[in-house]
N, C-alpha and C. Protein backbone atom coordinates (compact mmCIF):
# COMPACT_ATOMS: atom_id res chain seq x y z
N MET A 1 22.81 -88.34 63.63
CA MET A 1 23.92 -88.85 63.45
C MET A 1 23.92 -90.28 63.90
N THR A 2 23.89 -90.81 63.02
CA THR A 2 24.05 -92.51 63.54
C THR A 2 25.62 -93.19 63.63
N ARG A 3 25.46 -94.26 65.17
CA ARG A 3 26.99 -94.47 65.18
C ARG A 3 27.67 -95.62 64.00
N ILE A 4 28.55 -95.65 63.47
CA ILE A 4 29.34 -96.77 62.57
C ILE A 4 30.27 -97.49 63.74
N ALA A 5 30.17 -98.26 63.66
CA ALA A 5 31.09 -99.76 63.93
C ALA A 5 31.80 -99.99 62.43
N THR A 6 33.51 -99.73 62.66
CA THR A 6 34.66 -100.06 62.32
C THR A 6 34.97 -100.62 62.54
N MET A 7 35.17 -101.75 61.68
CA MET A 7 35.97 -103.24 61.81
C MET A 7 37.00 -104.00 60.50
N SER A 8 38.11 -104.41 60.87
CA SER A 8 38.36 -105.43 59.89
C SER A 8 38.71 -106.88 59.87
N LEU A 9 38.98 -107.48 59.10
CA LEU A 9 38.73 -108.96 58.53
C LEU A 9 40.04 -109.51 57.52
N LYS A 10 40.93 -110.18 58.08
CA LYS A 10 42.02 -110.76 57.26
C LYS A 10 41.71 -111.44 56.45
N THR A 11 40.38 -112.60 56.40
CA THR A 11 40.43 -112.90 54.93
C THR A 11 38.79 -112.88 54.72
N ALA A 12 38.43 -112.12 53.68
CA ALA A 12 36.92 -111.58 53.80
C ALA A 12 37.18 -111.10 51.89
N THR A 13 35.85 -111.89 51.45
CA THR A 13 35.34 -111.32 50.30
C THR A 13 34.92 -109.86 50.13
N VAL A 14 35.08 -108.58 49.49
CA VAL A 14 34.79 -107.55 49.25
C VAL A 14 33.12 -107.55 49.59
N HIS A 15 32.47 -108.30 49.17
CA HIS A 15 30.77 -108.56 49.16
C HIS A 15 30.30 -109.76 50.23
N ALA A 16 31.16 -109.49 50.67
CA ALA A 16 30.77 -110.64 52.38
C ALA A 16 29.58 -110.44 52.53
N THR A 17 28.98 -111.51 52.82
CA THR A 17 27.74 -111.58 53.57
C THR A 17 27.23 -111.18 55.47
N TRP A 18 28.09 -111.93 55.44
CA TRP A 18 28.78 -112.54 56.93
C TRP A 18 30.28 -111.74 57.04
N ILE A 19 30.42 -111.44 58.32
CA ILE A 19 31.72 -110.84 58.31
C ILE A 19 31.94 -110.86 60.01
N ILE A 20 33.00 -111.93 60.86
CA ILE A 20 33.73 -111.61 62.09
C ILE A 20 34.62 -110.84 62.38
N GLY A 21 34.88 -110.03 62.88
CA GLY A 21 35.74 -109.35 63.50
C GLY A 21 35.73 -108.92 65.02
N ARG A 22 37.02 -108.13 65.23
CA ARG A 22 37.04 -107.10 66.32
C ARG A 22 36.95 -105.83 66.01
N VAL A 23 36.23 -104.77 66.88
CA VAL A 23 35.76 -103.64 66.67
C VAL A 23 37.31 -102.89 67.49
N ILE A 24 37.51 -101.91 66.40
CA ILE A 24 38.81 -101.16 66.59
C ILE A 24 38.33 -99.46 66.42
N GLY A 25 37.15 -98.98 67.12
CA GLY A 25 36.59 -97.90 67.55
C GLY A 25 35.41 -97.89 67.26
N THR A 26 34.79 -96.47 67.72
CA THR A 26 33.59 -96.59 67.60
C THR A 26 33.07 -94.87 68.23
N LYS A 27 33.98 -94.16 67.57
CA LYS A 27 33.69 -92.68 67.55
C LYS A 27 32.69 -91.72 67.18
N MET A 28 32.44 -92.54 65.59
CA MET A 28 30.96 -92.18 65.30
C MET A 28 29.74 -91.97 65.51
N GLN A 29 28.66 -91.39 66.13
CA GLN A 29 27.32 -92.39 66.81
C GLN A 29 26.73 -93.24 66.37
N LYS A 30 26.46 -93.86 66.79
CA LYS A 30 26.01 -95.52 66.59
C LYS A 30 26.64 -96.14 65.27
N THR A 31 27.76 -96.36 65.69
CA THR A 31 28.90 -96.90 64.20
C THR A 31 30.18 -97.01 65.38
N ALA A 32 30.74 -98.48 64.72
CA ALA A 32 31.67 -99.39 65.77
C ALA A 32 32.57 -99.68 64.65
N LYS A 33 33.60 -99.39 64.54
CA LYS A 33 34.46 -99.41 63.64
C LYS A 33 35.53 -100.66 63.92
N TYR A 34 36.15 -101.10 62.60
CA TYR A 34 35.93 -103.08 62.25
C TYR A 34 37.55 -102.43 61.77
N TYR A 35 38.46 -102.99 62.13
CA TYR A 35 39.47 -102.28 60.81
C TYR A 35 40.54 -103.92 60.62
N ASN A 36 41.00 -104.35 59.35
CA ASN A 36 42.11 -105.54 59.20
C ASN A 36 42.90 -105.00 58.34
N LYS A 37 44.05 -105.66 57.83
CA LYS A 37 45.19 -105.14 57.02
C LYS A 37 44.65 -105.12 55.60
N ARG A 38 43.73 -105.86 55.55
CA ARG A 38 42.93 -105.65 54.44
C ARG A 38 42.18 -105.41 53.92
N LYS A 39 41.31 -105.05 54.86
CA LYS A 39 39.58 -104.57 54.32
C LYS A 39 39.28 -103.84 55.71
N THR A 40 38.63 -102.54 55.61
CA THR A 40 37.96 -101.72 56.83
C THR A 40 36.34 -101.53 56.54
N TYR A 41 35.75 -102.15 58.29
CA TYR A 41 34.12 -102.18 57.53
C TYR A 41 33.47 -101.57 58.70
N PHE A 42 32.61 -100.27 57.93
CA PHE A 42 31.73 -99.33 58.87
C PHE A 42 30.32 -100.58 59.05
N ALA A 43 30.11 -100.09 59.91
CA ALA A 43 28.38 -101.23 60.14
C ALA A 43 27.81 -100.49 61.45
N HIS A 44 26.57 -100.25 60.72
CA HIS A 44 25.50 -99.86 61.36
C HIS A 44 25.55 -99.98 63.05
N ASP A 45 25.51 -99.80 64.28
CA ASP A 45 25.53 -99.41 65.37
C ASP A 45 24.03 -99.44 66.35
N PRO A 46 22.76 -99.16 65.72
CA PRO A 46 21.76 -98.70 66.10
C PRO A 46 21.70 -98.21 67.70
N LEU A 47 21.91 -99.47 68.32
CA LEU A 47 22.29 -99.49 69.93
C LEU A 47 23.00 -98.61 70.70
N GLU A 48 24.30 -98.70 70.13
CA GLU A 48 25.60 -98.40 70.27
C GLU A 48 26.13 -99.23 71.82
N GLN A 49 25.89 -100.32 71.16
CA GLN A 49 26.49 -101.54 72.60
C GLN A 49 27.74 -102.05 72.05
N CYS A 50 28.97 -102.03 70.84
CA CYS A 50 29.54 -101.70 70.69
C CYS A 50 31.01 -100.78 71.74
N SER A 51 31.94 -101.53 71.82
CA SER A 51 33.42 -100.97 72.35
C SER A 51 34.31 -101.63 71.74
N VAL A 52 35.22 -100.37 72.09
CA VAL A 52 36.43 -101.31 70.74
C VAL A 52 37.20 -102.77 71.71
N GLY A 53 37.47 -103.58 70.42
CA GLY A 53 38.04 -104.77 71.01
C GLY A 53 36.85 -106.36 71.23
N ASP A 54 35.90 -105.68 71.34
CA ASP A 54 33.90 -106.40 71.08
C ASP A 54 34.22 -107.43 69.72
N ILE A 55 34.17 -108.83 69.74
CA ILE A 55 34.78 -109.77 68.70
C ILE A 55 32.62 -109.68 68.36
N VAL A 56 32.57 -109.18 66.91
CA VAL A 56 31.03 -109.03 66.49
C VAL A 56 31.02 -109.55 65.38
N LEU A 57 29.57 -109.71 64.78
CA LEU A 57 29.23 -110.45 63.57
C LEU A 57 28.68 -109.15 62.76
N LEU A 58 28.83 -108.88 62.04
CA LEU A 58 28.30 -108.52 61.05
C LEU A 58 27.48 -108.54 59.63
N LYS A 59 27.02 -108.14 59.23
CA LYS A 59 25.36 -108.50 58.54
C LYS A 59 25.60 -107.54 57.21
N ALA A 60 25.14 -108.18 55.93
CA ALA A 60 25.35 -106.93 55.07
C ALA A 60 24.35 -106.00 54.80
N LEU A 61 24.01 -105.03 54.52
CA LEU A 61 22.77 -104.28 54.64
C LEU A 61 22.48 -104.44 52.98
N PRO A 62 21.10 -104.89 53.03
CA PRO A 62 20.65 -104.87 51.42
C PRO A 62 21.08 -103.76 50.11
N GLU A 63 20.56 -102.69 51.11
CA GLU A 63 21.10 -101.46 50.60
C GLU A 63 22.03 -100.09 51.43
N ARG A 64 23.14 -99.77 51.06
CA ARG A 64 23.46 -98.79 51.45
C ARG A 64 23.01 -97.71 52.58
N ARG A 65 23.52 -97.56 53.57
CA ARG A 65 23.10 -96.80 54.42
C ARG A 65 23.54 -95.22 54.29
N THR A 66 24.83 -95.31 53.98
CA THR A 66 25.39 -94.07 53.75
C THR A 66 26.78 -94.40 52.96
N LYS A 67 27.42 -93.47 52.42
CA LYS A 67 28.71 -93.48 51.44
C LYS A 67 29.51 -94.86 51.91
N HIS A 68 29.97 -95.16 53.49
CA HIS A 68 30.93 -95.88 53.80
C HIS A 68 29.71 -97.34 54.63
N VAL A 69 28.81 -96.80 54.44
CA VAL A 69 28.07 -98.23 55.63
C VAL A 69 27.15 -98.91 54.71
N LYS A 70 27.94 -100.60 54.91
CA LYS A 70 26.81 -101.21 54.38
C LYS A 70 27.07 -102.71 54.72
N HIS A 71 27.25 -102.53 56.43
CA HIS A 71 27.06 -103.67 57.50
C HIS A 71 26.16 -103.29 58.55
N GLU A 72 25.34 -104.15 59.31
CA GLU A 72 24.70 -103.75 60.51
C GLU A 72 25.62 -104.45 61.71
N LEU A 73 25.58 -104.16 62.77
CA LEU A 73 25.65 -105.36 63.64
C LEU A 73 25.09 -106.36 63.58
N ALA A 74 25.23 -107.49 63.56
CA ALA A 74 23.74 -108.92 63.74
C ALA A 74 24.35 -109.39 65.66
N GLU A 75 25.69 -109.32 65.82
CA GLU A 75 25.51 -109.80 67.01
C GLU A 75 27.17 -109.70 67.48
N ILE A 76 27.26 -109.60 68.95
CA ILE A 76 28.07 -109.09 69.58
C ILE A 76 28.35 -110.73 70.54
N VAL A 77 29.68 -111.54 69.66
CA VAL A 77 30.04 -112.64 69.94
C VAL A 77 30.45 -112.61 71.20
N TYR A 78 32.04 -111.79 71.48
CA TYR A 78 32.45 -111.87 72.45
C TYR A 78 32.72 -110.30 73.13
N LYS A 79 31.55 -109.94 74.20
CA LYS A 79 32.37 -108.15 74.58
C LYS A 79 33.34 -108.61 75.66
N LEU A 80 34.36 -107.82 75.06
CA LEU A 80 35.69 -107.48 75.42
C LEU A 80 35.64 -107.39 77.14
N GLY A 81 36.00 -108.24 77.94
CA GLY A 81 36.75 -108.58 79.33
C GLY A 81 35.35 -109.54 79.63
N SER A 82 34.47 -110.12 79.04
CA SER A 82 33.57 -110.90 79.33
C SER A 82 33.86 -112.14 78.76
N VAL A 83 34.59 -113.05 78.51
CA VAL A 83 34.65 -114.04 77.60
C VAL A 83 34.11 -115.41 78.49
N VAL A 84 33.21 -116.17 78.06
CA VAL A 84 33.10 -117.32 78.54
C VAL A 84 33.40 -118.48 78.23
N ASP A 85 34.11 -119.11 79.29
CA ASP A 85 34.05 -120.61 78.42
C ASP A 85 33.34 -121.49 78.35
N PRO A 86 32.83 -122.17 77.27
CA PRO A 86 31.63 -122.77 77.20
C PRO A 86 31.44 -123.72 77.26
N LEU A 87 32.30 -124.58 78.27
CA LEU A 87 32.55 -125.62 78.90
C LEU A 87 31.76 -125.55 80.44
N THR A 88 32.51 -124.89 80.74
CA THR A 88 32.40 -124.67 82.52
C THR A 88 31.31 -123.27 82.29
N GLY A 89 31.39 -122.31 81.79
CA GLY A 89 30.29 -121.51 82.07
C GLY A 89 30.96 -120.30 82.63
N LYS A 90 32.75 -120.19 82.86
CA LYS A 90 32.98 -119.91 84.19
C LYS A 90 33.36 -118.50 82.98
N ARG A 91 33.91 -117.24 83.21
CA ARG A 91 34.94 -115.91 82.74
C ARG A 91 36.18 -116.25 82.70
N VAL A 92 37.02 -116.05 81.86
CA VAL A 92 37.81 -116.41 81.79
C VAL A 92 39.13 -115.33 80.88
N ALA A 93 40.29 -115.28 81.40
CA ALA A 93 41.12 -113.94 80.49
C ALA A 93 42.53 -115.26 79.87
N GLY A 94 41.92 -115.47 78.72
CA GLY A 94 42.92 -116.18 77.92
C GLY A 94 42.68 -117.70 78.43
N SER A 95 43.90 -118.21 79.30
CA SER A 95 43.61 -119.81 79.56
C SER A 95 43.70 -119.51 81.61
N VAL A 96 43.21 -118.34 81.85
CA VAL A 96 43.05 -118.03 82.99
C VAL A 96 41.23 -118.17 83.70
N PHE A 97 41.18 -119.15 84.55
CA PHE A 97 39.68 -118.59 84.49
C PHE A 97 39.47 -117.47 85.88
N LEU A 98 38.91 -116.64 85.95
CA LEU A 98 38.29 -115.42 86.64
C LEU A 98 37.75 -116.07 87.77
N ASP A 99 36.68 -116.67 87.73
CA ASP A 99 35.93 -117.02 88.83
C ASP A 99 36.18 -118.27 89.37
N PRO A 100 36.39 -118.75 89.99
CA PRO A 100 36.35 -120.49 90.58
C PRO A 100 35.51 -121.07 89.67
N ILE A 101 36.41 -122.24 89.99
CA ILE A 101 35.91 -123.22 89.32
C ILE A 101 34.90 -124.05 90.04
N THR A 102 35.26 -124.27 91.40
CA THR A 102 34.75 -124.75 91.99
C THR A 102 34.05 -123.86 93.19
N ASP A 103 33.12 -124.52 94.06
CA ASP A 103 32.74 -123.68 95.27
C ASP A 103 33.76 -123.95 95.75
N PRO A 104 34.23 -122.80 96.57
CA PRO A 104 35.40 -122.05 97.57
C PRO A 104 35.38 -123.29 98.59
N THR A 105 33.43 -123.43 99.70
CA THR A 105 33.55 -123.92 100.66
C THR A 105 33.60 -125.05 100.64
N GLU A 106 33.79 -125.96 99.22
CA GLU A 106 33.09 -127.07 98.76
C GLU A 106 34.22 -128.09 99.43
N PRO A 107 35.65 -128.04 99.04
CA PRO A 107 36.65 -128.75 99.82
C PRO A 107 36.82 -129.08 100.91
N THR A 108 36.64 -127.70 101.84
CA THR A 108 36.60 -127.83 103.07
C THR A 108 35.73 -128.60 103.89
N GLN A 109 34.25 -128.51 103.41
CA GLN A 109 33.04 -129.50 103.87
C GLN A 109 33.67 -130.27 103.89
N ALA A 110 33.93 -131.18 102.67
CA ALA A 110 34.20 -132.79 102.64
C ALA A 110 35.30 -132.86 103.43
N LEU A 111 36.49 -131.91 103.44
CA LEU A 111 37.72 -132.79 104.61
C LEU A 111 36.68 -132.68 105.62
N ALA A 112 36.20 -131.93 105.84
CA ALA A 112 35.81 -132.00 107.21
C ALA A 112 34.72 -133.35 107.95
N GLU A 113 33.94 -133.11 106.62
CA GLU A 113 33.21 -134.73 106.28
C GLU A 113 34.05 -136.21 107.35
N ASN A 114 34.77 -135.56 106.13
CA ASN A 114 35.99 -137.17 105.76
C ASN A 114 36.82 -136.80 107.44
N LEU A 115 37.28 -136.29 107.83
CA LEU A 115 37.73 -136.28 109.17
C LEU A 115 37.10 -136.40 110.46
N ALA A 116 35.72 -136.46 110.45
CA ALA A 116 34.61 -136.81 111.57
C ALA A 116 34.43 -138.56 110.81
N GLU A 117 34.23 -138.60 109.87
CA GLU A 117 34.05 -140.08 109.60
C GLU A 117 35.19 -140.81 110.29
N LEU A 118 36.57 -140.46 109.93
CA LEU A 118 37.82 -141.32 110.59
C LEU A 118 37.35 -140.99 112.74
N ALA A 119 37.26 -140.06 112.90
CA ALA A 119 36.79 -139.86 114.34
C ALA A 119 38.76 -139.76 114.94
N ILE A 120 39.23 -138.86 114.03
CA ILE A 120 40.83 -138.66 114.45
C ILE A 120 40.99 -137.69 115.34
N LYS A 121 41.44 -138.35 116.63
CA LYS A 121 41.96 -137.64 117.72
C LYS A 121 43.20 -136.50 117.62
N ASP A 122 43.07 -135.83 118.63
CA ASP A 122 44.49 -135.08 118.83
C ASP A 122 45.77 -135.70 118.82
N SER A 123 45.98 -136.73 119.71
CA SER A 123 47.43 -137.29 119.28
C SER A 123 47.70 -138.17 117.66
N GLY A 124 46.54 -138.00 116.96
CA GLY A 124 46.72 -138.68 115.47
C GLY A 124 46.64 -140.26 115.50
N THR A 125 45.45 -140.48 116.97
CA THR A 125 45.06 -142.08 116.83
C THR A 125 44.25 -142.18 116.32
N GLN A 126 43.54 -143.74 115.17
CA GLN A 126 42.21 -143.74 115.46
C GLN A 126 41.57 -144.21 116.24
N THR A 127 40.02 -144.35 116.59
CA THR A 127 39.80 -144.78 117.49
C THR A 127 38.52 -145.97 116.98
N HIS A 128 38.44 -146.83 117.22
CA HIS A 128 37.32 -148.08 116.69
C HIS A 128 36.21 -147.93 117.32
């Protein structure tokens, strides 16, 4: 038995060649479920790599695999929980960065170097 990916899409034609949307179910083997208010698609997922919530790209099959399966998984665009900001390459959740944007040791090293250059004494005065 193959696992089917079920997905939905807000705007798509019935005979779409490519479809992008969110996975809503993976109970059937090698299948992921994608649902939209307008249309539900079942897509062949042979490696069973989809999980609910993933954003996926589906490709229309030249022939139906089963009565309902007319598409196959082409690519997982965004895996749920592992969205990466394209500019920084850091993981994000919405607009919040999950990974630090800079190296946490970098500011303290720079500050220590600046203080050493100033040769600040404990009294707060500079020596020349």
